[in-house]
Amino acid sequence: QVQLVESGGGLVQAGGSLRLSCAASGRTFSDYAMGWFRQAPGKEREFVAGISWSGGTRYYADSVKGRFTISRDNAKNTVYLQMNGLKPVDTGVYYCAADQWAGVPSGISSSYDDWGQGTQVTVSS
């Protein structure tokens, strides 16, 4: 099992930036893929970005391509989500997740085994 703790959320104006972090503990961090998801009020959880165990493969939702960057530091057991050019539609609770049985990330939430508690991101217009 993997324990995940997100941080870095907050309130930002449209066009601003935030950097989310997700610290992992438990199983060897470099063994598995990681993903970021988000959930807006009244909506289903949606995939934002995913990264392979080595960082060599990265996937993004179309809605965030060119604005968000996912990265990981296996020495620090941490995955990051750099969010630039934020829009009000990016508002929601952001979750990191670990897919312990895959080295390549999936865009499907049911593929992930462990989840953090989430961090709130609010973008004002």
N, C-alpha and C. Protein backbone atom coordinates (compact mmCIF):
# COMPACT_ATOMS: atom_id res chain seq x y z
N GLN A 1 0.84 -1.19 0.00
CA GLN A 1 0.00 0.00 0.00
C GLN A 1 0.87 1.24 0.00
N VAL A 2 0.35 2.30 -0.63
CA VAL A 2 1.08 3.56 -0.74
C VAL A 2 0.25 4.66 -0.07
N GLN A 3 0.91 5.46 0.75
CA GLN A 3 0.25 6.60 1.37
C GLN A 3 0.66 7.85 0.61
N LEU A 4 -0.34 8.70 0.32
CA LEU A 4 -0.12 9.88 -0.50
C LEU A 4 -0.66 11.12 0.20
N VAL A 5 0.12 12.18 0.18
CA VAL A 5 -0.30 13.44 0.81
C VAL A 5 -0.04 14.59 -0.16
N GLU A 6 -1.13 15.25 -0.57
CA GLU A 6 -1.01 16.38 -1.48
C GLU A 6 -0.84 17.69 -0.72
N SER A 7 -0.24 18.65 -1.39
CA SER A 7 -0.11 20.00 -0.84
C SER A 7 0.05 20.98 -1.99
N GLY A 8 -0.11 22.26 -1.68
CA GLY A 8 0.14 23.29 -2.68
C GLY A 8 -1.09 23.94 -3.27
N GLY A 9 -2.27 23.47 -2.89
CA GLY A 9 -3.48 24.08 -3.40
C GLY A 9 -3.70 25.46 -2.81
N GLY A 10 -4.69 26.17 -3.34
CA GLY A 10 -5.00 27.49 -2.82
C GLY A 10 -5.89 28.27 -3.76
N LEU A 11 -6.00 29.56 -3.48
CA LEU A 11 -6.82 30.47 -4.27
C LEU A 11 -5.89 31.31 -5.14
N VAL A 12 -6.20 31.38 -6.42
CA VAL A 12 -5.38 32.13 -7.36
C VAL A 12 -6.28 32.79 -8.39
N GLN A 13 -5.82 33.91 -8.91
CA GLN A 13 -6.58 34.59 -9.96
C GLN A 13 -6.35 33.92 -11.31
N ALA A 14 -7.30 34.09 -12.18
CA ALA A 14 -7.17 33.54 -13.53
C ALA A 14 -5.88 34.04 -14.17
N GLY A 15 -5.19 33.12 -14.84
CA GLY A 15 -3.91 33.43 -15.43
C GLY A 15 -2.73 33.15 -14.53
N GLY A 16 -2.99 32.88 -13.28
CA GLY A 16 -1.94 32.62 -12.31
C GLY A 16 -1.43 31.18 -12.36
N SER A 17 -0.55 30.88 -11.42
CA SER A 17 0.10 29.56 -11.39
C SER A 17 0.06 28.98 -9.98
N LEU A 18 0.06 27.68 -9.92
CA LEU A 18 0.22 26.94 -8.68
C LEU A 18 1.05 25.70 -8.97
N ARG A 19 1.74 25.22 -7.94
CA ARG A 19 2.47 23.97 -8.06
C ARG A 19 1.99 23.04 -6.96
N LEU A 20 1.41 21.94 -7.36
CA LEU A 20 0.97 20.92 -6.42
C LEU A 20 2.07 19.89 -6.22
N SER A 21 2.14 19.39 -4.99
CA SER A 21 3.09 18.33 -4.67
C SER A 21 2.33 17.16 -4.07
N CYS A 22 2.86 15.99 -4.26
CA CYS A 22 2.27 14.78 -3.68
C CYS A 22 3.41 13.92 -3.16
N ALA A 23 3.48 13.80 -1.85
CA ALA A 23 4.53 13.00 -1.21
C ALA A 23 4.03 11.59 -0.97
N ALA A 24 4.82 10.62 -1.37
CA ALA A 24 4.43 9.22 -1.24
C ALA A 24 5.30 8.50 -0.22
N SER A 25 4.70 7.53 0.45
CA SER A 25 5.43 6.67 1.36
C SER A 25 4.85 5.27 1.27
N GLY A 26 5.65 4.30 1.74
CA GLY A 26 5.21 2.92 1.66
C GLY A 26 6.06 2.16 0.66
N ARG A 27 5.44 1.69 -0.39
CA ARG A 27 6.15 0.93 -1.41
C ARG A 27 7.16 1.80 -2.15
N THR A 28 8.18 1.18 -2.74
CA THR A 28 9.23 1.89 -3.48
C THR A 28 8.62 2.78 -4.56
N PHE A 29 8.83 4.07 -4.45
CA PHE A 29 8.15 5.05 -5.29
C PHE A 29 8.44 4.85 -6.77
N SER A 30 9.65 4.49 -7.10
CA SER A 30 10.04 4.38 -8.50
C SER A 30 9.50 3.14 -9.19
N ASP A 31 8.71 2.34 -8.48
CA ASP A 31 8.15 1.11 -9.05
C ASP A 31 6.85 1.33 -9.81
N TYR A 32 6.20 2.49 -9.65
CA TYR A 32 4.85 2.59 -10.18
C TYR A 32 4.56 3.96 -10.80
N ALA A 33 3.52 3.93 -11.65
CA ALA A 33 3.06 5.16 -12.30
C ALA A 33 2.23 5.99 -11.33
N MET A 34 2.16 7.29 -11.62
CA MET A 34 1.40 8.22 -10.80
C MET A 34 0.48 9.06 -11.68
N GLY A 35 -0.61 9.49 -11.10
CA GLY A 35 -1.53 10.34 -11.84
C GLY A 35 -2.10 11.45 -10.97
N TRP A 36 -2.57 12.49 -11.66
CA TRP A 36 -3.33 13.56 -11.01
C TRP A 36 -4.73 13.57 -11.61
N PHE A 37 -5.72 13.68 -10.72
CA PHE A 37 -7.12 13.78 -11.12
C PHE A 37 -7.70 15.00 -10.43
N ARG A 38 -8.85 15.44 -10.88
CA ARG A 38 -9.54 16.55 -10.22
C ARG A 38 -11.04 16.31 -10.26
N GLN A 39 -11.70 16.95 -9.31
CA GLN A 39 -13.15 16.83 -9.24
C GLN A 39 -13.73 18.20 -8.90
N ALA A 40 -14.55 18.70 -9.82
CA ALA A 40 -15.25 19.96 -9.59
C ALA A 40 -16.59 19.67 -8.92
N PRO A 41 -17.15 20.64 -8.23
CA PRO A 41 -18.44 20.43 -7.56
C PRO A 41 -19.51 19.96 -8.54
N GLY A 42 -20.17 18.87 -8.17
CA GLY A 42 -21.25 18.35 -8.99
C GLY A 42 -20.81 17.59 -10.22
N LYS A 43 -19.52 17.38 -10.35
CA LYS A 43 -19.01 16.67 -11.53
C LYS A 43 -18.23 15.43 -11.11
N GLU A 44 -18.03 14.54 -12.08
CA GLU A 44 -17.26 13.34 -11.82
C GLU A 44 -15.76 13.67 -11.79
N ARG A 45 -15.03 12.80 -11.13
CA ARG A 45 -13.58 12.94 -11.09
C ARG A 45 -13.02 12.72 -12.50
N GLU A 46 -12.08 13.55 -12.91
CA GLU A 46 -11.53 13.44 -14.25
C GLU A 46 -10.00 13.42 -14.22
N PHE A 47 -9.46 12.74 -15.20
CA PHE A 47 -8.02 12.63 -15.34
C PHE A 47 -7.43 13.97 -15.76
N VAL A 48 -6.28 14.31 -15.16
CA VAL A 48 -5.58 15.53 -15.51
C VAL A 48 -4.25 15.21 -16.19
N ALA A 49 -3.44 14.39 -15.53
CA ALA A 49 -2.12 14.07 -16.06
C ALA A 49 -1.60 12.80 -15.41
N GLY A 50 -0.71 12.10 -16.13
CA GLY A 50 -0.11 10.90 -15.59
C GLY A 50 1.35 10.81 -16.02
N ILE A 51 2.14 10.09 -15.22
CA ILE A 51 3.56 9.97 -15.50
C ILE A 51 4.02 8.56 -15.18
N SER A 52 4.90 8.04 -16.02
CA SER A 52 5.41 6.69 -15.82
C SER A 52 6.40 6.65 -14.67
N TRP A 53 6.81 5.43 -14.30
CA TRP A 53 7.69 5.25 -13.16
C TRP A 53 9.01 5.99 -13.33
N SER A 54 9.48 6.10 -14.56
CA SER A 54 10.77 6.75 -14.82
C SER A 54 10.62 8.23 -15.14
N GLY A 55 9.40 8.66 -15.41
CA GLY A 55 9.19 10.03 -15.85
C GLY A 55 9.30 10.19 -17.35
N GLY A 56 9.60 9.12 -18.06
CA GLY A 56 9.82 9.21 -19.49
C GLY A 56 8.54 9.30 -20.32
N THR A 57 7.43 8.89 -19.75
CA THR A 57 6.14 8.94 -20.45
C THR A 57 5.18 9.79 -19.64
N ARG A 58 4.58 10.76 -20.32
CA ARG A 58 3.64 11.66 -19.66
C ARG A 58 2.41 11.82 -20.53
N TYR A 59 1.26 11.78 -19.91
CA TYR A 59 -0.01 11.98 -20.61
C TYR A 59 -0.75 13.14 -19.97
N TYR A 60 -1.52 13.85 -20.79
CA TYR A 60 -2.30 14.97 -20.29
C TYR A 60 -3.70 14.94 -20.88
N ALA A 61 -4.65 15.43 -20.11
CA ALA A 61 -5.97 15.69 -20.65
C ALA A 61 -5.86 16.83 -21.65
N ASP A 62 -6.69 16.79 -22.67
CA ASP A 62 -6.65 17.83 -23.70
C ASP A 62 -6.86 19.22 -23.11
N SER A 63 -7.67 19.27 -22.06
CA SER A 63 -8.02 20.56 -21.47
C SER A 63 -6.86 21.25 -20.77
N VAL A 64 -5.78 20.50 -20.46
CA VAL A 64 -4.66 21.11 -19.74
C VAL A 64 -3.36 21.08 -20.53
N LYS A 65 -3.36 20.47 -21.69
CA LYS A 65 -2.14 20.41 -22.50
C LYS A 65 -1.61 21.80 -22.79
N GLY A 66 -0.30 21.95 -22.63
CA GLY A 66 0.33 23.24 -22.87
C GLY A 66 0.30 24.17 -21.69
N ARG A 67 -0.49 23.84 -20.66
CA ARG A 67 -0.59 24.69 -19.46
C ARG A 67 -0.05 23.99 -18.21
N PHE A 68 -0.29 22.69 -18.12
CA PHE A 68 0.12 21.92 -16.94
C PHE A 68 1.30 21.02 -17.29
N THR A 69 2.16 20.79 -16.30
CA THR A 69 3.29 19.88 -16.47
C THR A 69 3.39 18.97 -15.26
N ILE A 70 3.40 17.67 -15.52
CA ILE A 70 3.59 16.70 -14.45
C ILE A 70 5.06 16.27 -14.44
N SER A 71 5.60 16.09 -13.25
CA SER A 71 6.98 15.64 -13.12
C SER A 71 7.10 14.84 -11.83
N ARG A 72 8.21 14.16 -11.67
CA ARG A 72 8.43 13.40 -10.44
C ARG A 72 9.90 13.42 -10.08
N ASP A 73 10.15 13.32 -8.80
CA ASP A 73 11.50 13.20 -8.27
C ASP A 73 11.53 11.93 -7.44
N ASN A 74 12.06 10.87 -8.02
CA ASN A 74 12.04 9.58 -7.32
C ASN A 74 12.94 9.58 -6.09
N ALA A 75 13.93 10.43 -6.06
CA ALA A 75 14.79 10.52 -4.88
C ALA A 75 14.05 11.14 -3.69
N LYS A 76 13.04 11.95 -4.00
CA LYS A 76 12.25 12.60 -2.95
C LYS A 76 10.88 11.98 -2.77
N ASN A 77 10.60 10.92 -3.52
CA ASN A 77 9.29 10.24 -3.43
C ASN A 77 8.14 11.23 -3.64
N THR A 78 8.29 12.09 -4.60
CA THR A 78 7.31 13.15 -4.80
C THR A 78 6.98 13.32 -6.28
N VAL A 79 5.71 13.56 -6.53
CA VAL A 79 5.25 13.90 -7.87
C VAL A 79 4.67 15.31 -7.81
N TYR A 80 4.85 16.06 -8.90
CA TYR A 80 4.44 17.45 -8.94
C TYR A 80 3.47 17.70 -10.09
N LEU A 81 2.68 18.75 -9.93
CA LEU A 81 1.86 19.22 -11.02
C LEU A 81 2.00 20.74 -11.06
N GLN A 82 2.74 21.22 -12.06
CA GLN A 82 2.90 22.65 -12.27
C GLN A 82 1.75 23.13 -13.14
N MET A 83 0.99 24.08 -12.62
CA MET A 83 -0.20 24.56 -13.33
C MET A 83 -0.02 26.04 -13.65
N ASN A 84 0.05 26.34 -14.93
CA ASN A 84 0.18 27.71 -15.39
C ASN A 84 -1.05 28.11 -16.20
N GLY A 85 -1.26 29.39 -16.35
CA GLY A 85 -2.40 29.84 -17.13
C GLY A 85 -3.72 29.33 -16.60
N LEU A 86 -3.88 29.34 -15.28
CA LEU A 86 -5.07 28.76 -14.68
C LEU A 86 -6.33 29.51 -15.08
N LYS A 87 -7.40 28.73 -15.22
CA LYS A 87 -8.71 29.25 -15.61
C LYS A 87 -9.73 28.88 -14.54
N PRO A 88 -10.83 29.61 -14.45
CA PRO A 88 -11.86 29.24 -13.47
C PRO A 88 -12.35 27.80 -13.63
N VAL A 89 -12.35 27.27 -14.83
CA VAL A 89 -12.79 25.88 -15.04
C VAL A 89 -11.82 24.87 -14.45
N ASP A 90 -10.64 25.31 -14.06
CA ASP A 90 -9.69 24.41 -13.41
C ASP A 90 -9.98 24.24 -11.91
N THR A 91 -10.95 24.97 -11.41
CA THR A 91 -11.31 24.88 -10.00
C THR A 91 -11.79 23.48 -9.64
N GLY A 92 -11.33 22.99 -8.50
CA GLY A 92 -11.75 21.69 -8.02
C GLY A 92 -10.80 21.15 -6.98
N VAL A 93 -11.10 19.96 -6.51
CA VAL A 93 -10.20 19.26 -5.60
C VAL A 93 -9.29 18.38 -6.46
N TYR A 94 -8.00 18.51 -6.25
CA TYR A 94 -7.00 17.78 -7.01
C TYR A 94 -6.46 16.63 -6.16
N TYR A 95 -6.46 15.45 -6.78
CA TYR A 95 -6.00 14.24 -6.09
C TYR A 95 -4.82 13.64 -6.84
N CYS A 96 -3.83 13.16 -6.10
CA CYS A 96 -2.82 12.33 -6.73
C CYS A 96 -3.16 10.86 -6.44
N ALA A 97 -2.70 9.99 -7.32
CA ALA A 97 -3.03 8.59 -7.21
C ALA A 97 -1.86 7.74 -7.70
N ALA A 98 -1.75 6.56 -7.14
CA ALA A 98 -0.68 5.64 -7.49
C ALA A 98 -1.26 4.38 -8.12
N ASP A 99 -0.69 4.00 -9.24
CA ASP A 99 -1.06 2.75 -9.92
C ASP A 99 0.07 1.77 -9.68
N GLN A 100 -0.06 0.96 -8.65
CA GLN A 100 1.05 0.14 -8.18
C GLN A 100 1.45 -0.96 -9.15
N TRP A 101 0.55 -1.31 -10.08
CA TRP A 101 0.80 -2.46 -10.93
C TRP A 101 1.11 -2.07 -12.36
N ALA A 102 1.36 -0.81 -12.57
CA ALA A 102 1.67 -0.36 -13.92
C ALA A 102 2.83 0.62 -13.89
N GLY A 103 3.70 0.49 -14.86
CA GLY A 103 4.78 1.45 -14.99
C GLY A 103 4.40 2.64 -15.85
N VAL A 104 3.34 2.46 -16.68
CA VAL A 104 2.87 3.51 -17.57
C VAL A 104 1.53 4.01 -17.07
N PRO A 105 1.29 5.31 -17.05
CA PRO A 105 0.05 5.82 -16.45
C PRO A 105 -1.19 5.55 -17.29
N SER A 106 -2.29 5.42 -16.60
CA SER A 106 -3.59 5.26 -17.22
C SER A 106 -4.42 6.51 -16.99
N GLY A 107 -5.35 6.76 -17.88
CA GLY A 107 -6.26 7.88 -17.70
C GLY A 107 -7.55 7.48 -17.02
N ILE A 108 -7.62 6.24 -16.58
CA ILE A 108 -8.84 5.71 -15.97
C ILE A 108 -8.66 5.64 -14.47
N SER A 109 -9.55 6.25 -13.73
CA SER A 109 -9.38 6.32 -12.28
C SER A 109 -9.42 4.95 -11.61
N SER A 110 -10.19 4.03 -12.15
CA SER A 110 -10.29 2.71 -11.54
C SER A 110 -9.00 1.91 -11.64
N SER A 111 -8.06 2.38 -12.46
CA SER A 111 -6.77 1.69 -12.58
C SER A 111 -5.87 1.98 -11.38
N TYR A 112 -6.17 3.01 -10.65
CA TYR A 112 -5.31 3.46 -9.56
C TYR A 112 -5.72 2.83 -8.24
N ASP A 113 -4.72 2.48 -7.45
CA ASP A 113 -4.96 1.72 -6.23
C ASP A 113 -5.04 2.58 -4.98
N ASP A 114 -4.26 3.63 -4.95
CA ASP A 114 -4.15 4.44 -3.74
C ASP A 114 -4.34 5.91 -4.10
N TRP A 115 -5.00 6.64 -3.19
CA TRP A 115 -5.33 8.04 -3.44
C TRP A 115 -4.96 8.90 -2.24
N GLY A 116 -4.62 10.14 -2.54
CA GLY A 116 -4.43 11.10 -1.47
C GLY A 116 -5.77 11.68 -1.04
N GLN A 117 -5.72 12.57 -0.07
CA GLN A 117 -6.93 13.16 0.49
C GLN A 117 -7.44 14.34 -0.33
N GLY A 118 -6.59 14.84 -1.23
CA GLY A 118 -7.00 15.94 -2.10
C GLY A 118 -6.58 17.29 -1.58
N THR A 119 -6.40 18.22 -2.51
CA THR A 119 -6.08 19.60 -2.15
C THR A 119 -6.93 20.51 -3.04
N GLN A 120 -7.51 21.53 -2.42
CA GLN A 120 -8.45 22.41 -3.13
C GLN A 120 -7.69 23.45 -3.95
N VAL A 121 -8.12 23.59 -5.20
CA VAL A 121 -7.62 24.65 -6.08
C VAL A 121 -8.82 25.49 -6.51
N THR A 122 -8.74 26.78 -6.25
CA THR A 122 -9.82 27.68 -6.63
C THR A 122 -9.24 28.80 -7.48
N VAL A 123 -9.80 28.95 -8.68
CA VAL A 123 -9.34 29.98 -9.60
C VAL A 123 -10.45 31.01 -9.76
N SER A 124 -10.16 32.23 -9.39
CA SER A 124 -11.16 33.29 -9.48
C SER A 124 -11.02 34.04 -10.81
N SER A 125 -12.14 34.54 -11.30
CA SER A 125 -12.14 35.25 -12.59
C SER A 125 -11.88 36.73 -12.40
